[in-house]
Amino acid sequence: MKDRVNYYTDEHNDDFAGMSIKRETLPHGYKYVHKNIFYRFFSFVLYRLIATPVAFLFSKIRHGLKVKNRKALKACKDKGIFVYANHTLAAGDAFFPSMAVFPRRTYIVTNTDSVTISGVGKLTPMLGALPLPSERSGYKAFNDALATRIGEKGCIYIYPEAHIWPYYTGIREYPAASFLYPVKLNAPVYAATTVFRKRKFRSRPRCEVYIDGPFYPDGSLSLAENREMLRSKVYEAMKKRSELSDCQYVRYVKCEPSEISVYADEQSMAKDI
């Protein structure tokens, strides 16, 4: 079997998405919620009639996706929810959310890349992309959008690890900052952990997404305390589920910054052999 190795120096900032997209600044006054009837209609058609079937087929055929413990979502079927997931796939992490919480409408918090890419940047907001503001002044509109979607009983999907590490079987440390959103909106929180399982006839592992929760803000705690508490509950749930992975499709090896170029050269030579 081919030895797939990624060398890293910083688990908080290194990214292995394999995409060299220049990050653009989100336009000033970016509109998150559209009330135009035609925009809403085309958004519905694109999400429900096109993207959802594509996501289902892609997830099943390429990754053999299975969602486990989906019944946990029933506890909050009449409420908007926040879901936090480990960031382990490029296309998969765009498609899995709609499968994990189906039939609930899902909105994914993203970087500005998703809405500024030429050609598709106009479509991704219709599919649920919620780009983080580039300016401090943009956070009011962003927070208002979160409140609107939660009020509509939607799902806000967040990847707190921020950077993609394909097929990584562990859970990287991540900050509690994004957990302030459900605290302010008094919304329930779930963990969605992707784990990787061996397949008999393919080297690429099968994906299973485990749902855990709900976890609720505690009215007796401060905003900061609640944020840390929710982060801790979600992180521990993810850590426990990640132990279910039974294969390592890609190995991750930590090294010193000065060693990166050496290892990169070795990998390049190995590919040429």
Protein backbone atom coordinates (compact mmCIF):
# COMPACT_ATOMS: atom_id res chain seq x y z
CA MET A 1 0.00 0.00 0.00
CA LYS A 2 1.23 3.47 -0.84
CA ASP A 3 2.62 5.28 2.21
CA ARG A 4 0.78 8.59 2.49
CA VAL A 5 2.48 11.00 4.89
CA ASN A 6 1.90 14.65 5.73
CA TYR A 7 4.56 16.45 7.76
CA TYR A 8 3.47 19.33 9.96
CA THR A 9 4.95 21.79 12.40
CA ASP A 10 1.85 23.54 13.78
CA GLU A 11 -1.42 21.68 14.30
CA HIS A 12 -3.28 24.97 14.70
CA ASN A 13 -2.25 26.60 11.42
CA ASP A 14 -0.90 24.02 8.97
CA ASP A 15 -3.36 23.20 6.21
CA PHE A 16 -3.38 20.22 3.83
CA ALA A 17 -6.41 21.06 1.73
CA GLY A 18 -4.27 21.04 -1.40
CA MET A 19 -5.86 24.21 -2.74
CA SER A 20 -3.89 27.38 -3.46
CA ILE A 21 -6.76 29.85 -3.45
CA LYS A 22 -5.91 33.45 -2.70
CA ARG A 23 -8.14 34.60 0.13
CA GLU A 24 -10.11 37.69 -0.80
CA THR A 25 -11.65 40.28 1.48
CA LEU A 26 -15.38 39.99 1.99
CA PRO A 27 -17.12 42.98 0.39
CA HIS A 28 -18.13 45.77 2.76
CA GLY A 29 -21.82 45.46 3.65
CA TYR A 30 -22.00 41.81 2.54
CA LYS A 31 -25.60 40.61 2.55
CA TYR A 32 -26.10 37.35 4.43
CA VAL A 33 -29.88 37.01 4.36
CA HIS A 34 -31.83 37.57 1.15
CA LYS A 35 -35.57 38.16 1.28
CA ASN A 36 -36.09 38.45 -2.46
CA ILE A 37 -38.63 35.80 -3.45
CA PHE A 38 -36.74 34.81 -6.61
CA TYR A 39 -33.44 34.44 -4.75
CA ARG A 40 -35.13 32.27 -2.12
CA PHE A 41 -36.81 30.13 -4.78
CA PHE A 42 -33.58 29.44 -6.66
CA SER A 43 -31.81 28.79 -3.36
CA PHE A 44 -34.44 26.17 -2.51
CA VAL A 45 -34.16 24.49 -5.92
CA LEU A 46 -30.36 24.49 -5.84
CA TYR A 47 -30.14 23.14 -2.28
CA ARG A 48 -33.01 20.65 -2.20
CA LEU A 49 -33.34 19.43 -5.78
CA ILE A 50 -29.73 19.55 -7.01
CA ALA A 51 -27.14 19.76 -4.22
CA THR A 52 -28.78 17.35 -1.77
CA PRO A 53 -29.03 14.42 -4.23
CA VAL A 54 -25.46 15.11 -5.40
CA ALA A 55 -24.25 15.19 -1.80
CA PHE A 56 -26.00 11.89 -1.07
CA LEU A 57 -24.52 10.10 -4.09
CA PHE A 58 -21.02 11.53 -3.57
CA SER A 59 -21.00 10.71 0.14
CA LYS A 60 -22.23 7.15 -0.40
CA ILE A 61 -20.20 6.22 -3.47
CA ARG A 62 -16.86 7.83 -2.65
CA HIS A 63 -16.88 7.63 1.15
CA GLY A 64 -19.47 4.99 2.01
CA LEU A 65 -20.91 7.47 4.50
CA LYS A 66 -22.99 6.25 7.42
CA VAL A 67 -24.48 8.58 10.04
CA LYS A 68 -24.64 7.10 13.53
CA ASN A 69 -26.84 8.16 16.46
CA ARG A 70 -28.89 10.51 14.28
CA LYS A 71 -31.76 9.92 16.74
CA ALA A 72 -30.03 12.34 19.13
CA LEU A 73 -31.19 15.18 16.87
CA LYS A 74 -34.84 14.43 17.70
CA ALA A 75 -34.40 16.07 21.10
CA CYS A 76 -34.16 19.44 19.32
CA LYS A 77 -36.36 18.90 16.29
CA ASP A 78 -38.27 22.10 17.04
CA LYS A 79 -35.19 24.25 17.63
CA GLY A 80 -32.30 25.63 15.64
CA ILE A 81 -29.01 23.93 16.46
CA PHE A 82 -25.25 24.38 16.23
CA VAL A 83 -23.12 21.43 15.12
CA TYR A 84 -19.34 21.29 15.54
CA ALA A 85 -17.32 18.82 13.46
CA ASN A 86 -13.72 17.75 12.85
CA HIS A 87 -12.27 19.06 9.57
CA THR A 88 -10.98 15.98 7.75
CA LEU A 89 -12.06 16.21 4.09
CA ALA A 90 -12.34 18.86 1.40
CA ALA A 91 -15.43 17.99 -0.65
CA GLY A 92 -16.69 15.63 2.04
CA ASP A 93 -16.89 18.38 4.63
CA ALA A 94 -19.00 20.41 2.21
CA PHE A 95 -21.42 17.53 1.59
CA PHE A 96 -21.59 15.65 4.90
CA PRO A 97 -23.45 18.35 6.89
CA SER A 98 -26.62 18.11 4.81
CA MET A 99 -26.50 14.32 5.18
CA ALA A 100 -25.77 14.35 8.91
CA VAL A 101 -28.78 16.44 9.90
CA PHE A 102 -31.14 15.70 6.98
CA PRO A 103 -33.81 16.98 6.37
CA ARG A 104 -32.89 20.09 8.34
CA ARG A 105 -31.49 22.98 6.26
CA THR A 106 -27.79 23.46 6.96
CA TYR A 107 -25.60 26.56 6.89
CA ILE A 108 -21.82 26.18 7.06
CA VAL A 109 -19.57 28.85 8.57
CA THR A 110 -16.71 29.26 6.09
CA ASN A 111 -13.77 31.47 5.20
CA THR A 112 -14.25 34.11 2.52
CA ASP A 113 -12.83 31.70 -0.10
CA SER A 114 -16.19 30.01 -0.49
CA VAL A 115 -17.99 33.15 -1.68
CA THR A 116 -15.20 34.96 -3.53
CA ILE A 117 -14.07 32.16 -5.87
CA SER A 118 -14.72 33.21 -9.44
CA GLY A 119 -17.59 31.32 -11.04
CA VAL A 120 -19.06 29.57 -7.98
CA GLY A 121 -18.89 32.36 -5.41
CA LYS A 122 -22.42 33.46 -6.27
CA LEU A 123 -23.85 29.99 -5.78
CA THR A 124 -22.31 28.94 -2.47
CA PRO A 125 -24.36 31.40 -0.37
CA MET A 126 -27.49 29.84 -1.92
CA LEU A 127 -26.19 26.49 -0.70
CA GLY A 128 -25.72 27.79 2.83
CA ALA A 129 -22.21 29.26 3.04
CA LEU A 130 -21.89 31.82 5.84
CA PRO A 131 -18.49 33.52 5.38
CA LEU A 132 -16.75 35.02 8.38
CA PRO A 133 -16.47 38.81 8.06
CA SER A 134 -13.18 40.35 7.00
CA GLU A 135 -13.87 43.48 9.05
CA ARG A 136 -14.98 43.90 12.62
CA SER A 137 -17.91 46.01 11.43
CA GLY A 138 -19.27 43.01 9.52
CA TYR A 139 -19.95 40.92 12.60
CA LYS A 140 -23.31 42.50 13.36
CA ALA A 141 -24.72 41.30 10.03
CA PHE A 142 -23.05 37.92 10.51
CA ASN A 143 -24.48 37.48 14.01
CA ASP A 144 -27.90 38.61 12.81
CA ALA A 145 -27.72 35.94 10.09
CA LEU A 146 -26.93 33.26 12.67
CA ALA A 147 -29.91 34.40 14.74
CA THR A 148 -32.17 34.32 11.68
CA ARG A 149 -31.18 30.78 10.69
CA ILE A 150 -31.49 29.50 14.25
CA GLY A 151 -34.93 31.15 14.42
CA GLU A 152 -35.87 29.23 11.26
CA LYS A 153 -34.90 25.97 13.05
CA GLY A 154 -31.90 25.56 10.80
CA CYS A 155 -28.51 24.06 11.56
CA ILE A 156 -25.30 26.10 11.80
CA TYR A 157 -22.35 23.81 11.02
CA ILE A 158 -18.90 24.85 12.25
CA TYR A 159 -15.44 23.33 11.80
CA PRO A 160 -13.57 24.75 14.83
CA GLU A 161 -10.24 23.16 13.78
CA ALA A 162 -10.36 25.65 10.86
CA HIS A 163 -7.84 23.83 8.64
CA ILE A 164 -8.36 20.65 6.64
CA TRP A 165 -6.26 17.61 7.54
CA PRO A 166 -7.44 14.87 5.15
CA TYR A 167 -8.21 11.55 6.85
CA TYR A 168 -6.70 12.63 10.16
CA THR A 169 -7.92 10.24 12.84
CA GLY A 170 -7.27 12.44 15.88
CA ILE A 171 -8.91 15.61 17.11
CA ARG A 172 -6.78 18.74 17.05
CA GLU A 173 -6.94 21.34 19.79
CA TYR A 174 -9.21 24.25 18.89
CA PRO A 175 -10.25 27.49 20.59
CA ALA A 176 -13.57 28.13 22.30
CA ALA A 177 -14.27 31.39 20.43
CA SER A 178 -16.96 30.01 18.09
CA PHE A 179 -18.90 28.54 21.00
CA LEU A 180 -19.93 32.05 21.96
CA TYR A 181 -22.54 31.95 19.16
CA PRO A 182 -24.80 29.29 20.72
CA VAL A 183 -24.31 30.82 24.16
CA LYS A 184 -25.62 34.21 23.01
CA LEU A 185 -28.53 32.61 21.17
CA ASN A 186 -29.21 30.07 23.93
CA ALA A 187 -29.16 27.32 21.31
CA PRO A 188 -28.37 23.61 21.75
CA VAL A 189 -25.06 22.23 20.53
CA TYR A 190 -24.07 18.91 18.96
CA ALA A 191 -20.79 17.24 18.04
CA ALA A 192 -20.45 15.48 14.68
CA THR A 193 -17.29 13.37 14.53
CA THR A 194 -16.05 11.77 11.32
CA VAL A 195 -14.21 8.50 11.91
CA PHE A 196 -12.54 6.22 9.36
CA ARG A 197 -13.17 2.49 9.05
CA LYS A 198 -11.45 -0.19 6.98
CA ARG A 199 -13.07 -1.48 3.80
CA LYS A 200 -12.50 -4.95 2.41
CA PHE A 201 -11.92 -4.11 -1.22
CA ARG A 202 -10.75 -0.49 -1.21
CA SER A 203 -7.77 1.21 0.41
CA ARG A 204 -9.73 4.42 0.92
CA PRO A 205 -11.57 4.05 4.24
CA ARG A 206 -15.29 4.32 4.81
CA CYS A 207 -16.55 7.35 6.72
CA GLU A 208 -18.88 7.27 9.70
CA VAL A 209 -20.25 10.44 11.28
CA TYR A 210 -21.28 10.14 14.94
CA ILE A 211 -23.76 12.62 16.41
CA ASP A 212 -23.48 13.46 20.12
CA GLY A 213 -25.52 15.86 22.22
CA PRO A 214 -27.41 17.99 22.76
CA PHE A 215 -25.33 20.16 25.05
CA TYR A 216 -26.98 23.30 26.44
CA PRO A 217 -25.72 26.62 27.75
CA ASP A 218 -26.02 26.90 31.54
CA GLY A 219 -27.95 29.95 32.72
CA SER A 220 -25.93 30.06 35.95
CA LEU A 221 -22.64 30.57 34.10
CA SER A 222 -21.17 33.67 32.48
CA LEU A 223 -20.73 33.97 28.72
CA ALA A 224 -17.05 33.09 28.98
CA GLU A 225 -17.69 30.14 31.31
CA ASN A 226 -20.44 28.80 29.07
CA ARG A 227 -18.23 29.09 26.02
CA GLU A 228 -15.49 27.04 27.68
CA MET A 229 -17.96 24.51 29.05
CA LEU A 230 -19.56 23.82 25.67
CA ARG A 231 -16.18 23.63 23.98
CA SER A 232 -15.03 21.09 26.57
CA LYS A 233 -18.13 18.90 26.16
CA VAL A 234 -17.90 18.89 22.37
CA TYR A 235 -14.14 18.29 22.36
CA GLU A 236 -14.40 15.35 24.76
CA ALA A 237 -17.24 13.82 22.73
CA MET A 238 -15.12 14.12 19.58
CA LYS A 239 -12.04 12.65 21.27
CA LYS A 240 -14.02 9.64 22.47
CA ARG A 241 -15.60 9.00 19.06
CA SER A 242 -12.30 9.44 17.22
CA GLU A 243 -11.01 6.32 18.98
CA LEU A 244 -13.39 4.31 16.79
CA SER A 245 -11.20 4.88 13.71
CA ASP A 246 -9.50 1.56 12.91
CA CYS A 247 -7.21 2.56 10.04
CA GLN A 248 -4.77 5.30 9.07
CA TYR A 249 -5.09 6.21 5.40
CA VAL A 250 -2.78 9.22 5.82
CA ARG A 251 -0.07 9.46 8.50
CA TYR A 252 0.73 12.80 10.12
CA VAL A 253 4.25 13.31 11.43
CA LYS A 254 5.34 16.33 13.45
CA CYS A 255 8.74 17.82 12.72
CA GLU A 256 10.74 21.00 13.12
CA PRO A 257 10.24 23.86 10.59
CA SER A 258 13.81 23.40 9.33
CA GLU A 259 13.05 19.77 8.43
CA ILE A 260 9.97 20.42 6.30
CA SER A 261 11.86 21.07 3.06
CA VAL A 262 13.91 17.90 3.55
CA TYR A 263 10.84 15.74 4.03
CA ALA A 264 9.09 17.43 1.12
CA ASP A 265 12.03 16.58 -1.14
CA GLU A 266 11.95 12.97 0.02
CA GLN A 267 8.23 12.74 -0.73
CA SER A 268 8.74 14.26 -4.16
CA MET A 269 11.50 11.75 -4.95
CA ALA A 270 9.35 8.86 -3.76
CA LYS A 271 6.58 9.90 -6.14
CA ASP A 272 9.02 9.85 -9.05
CA ILE A 273 10.22 6.32 -8.37
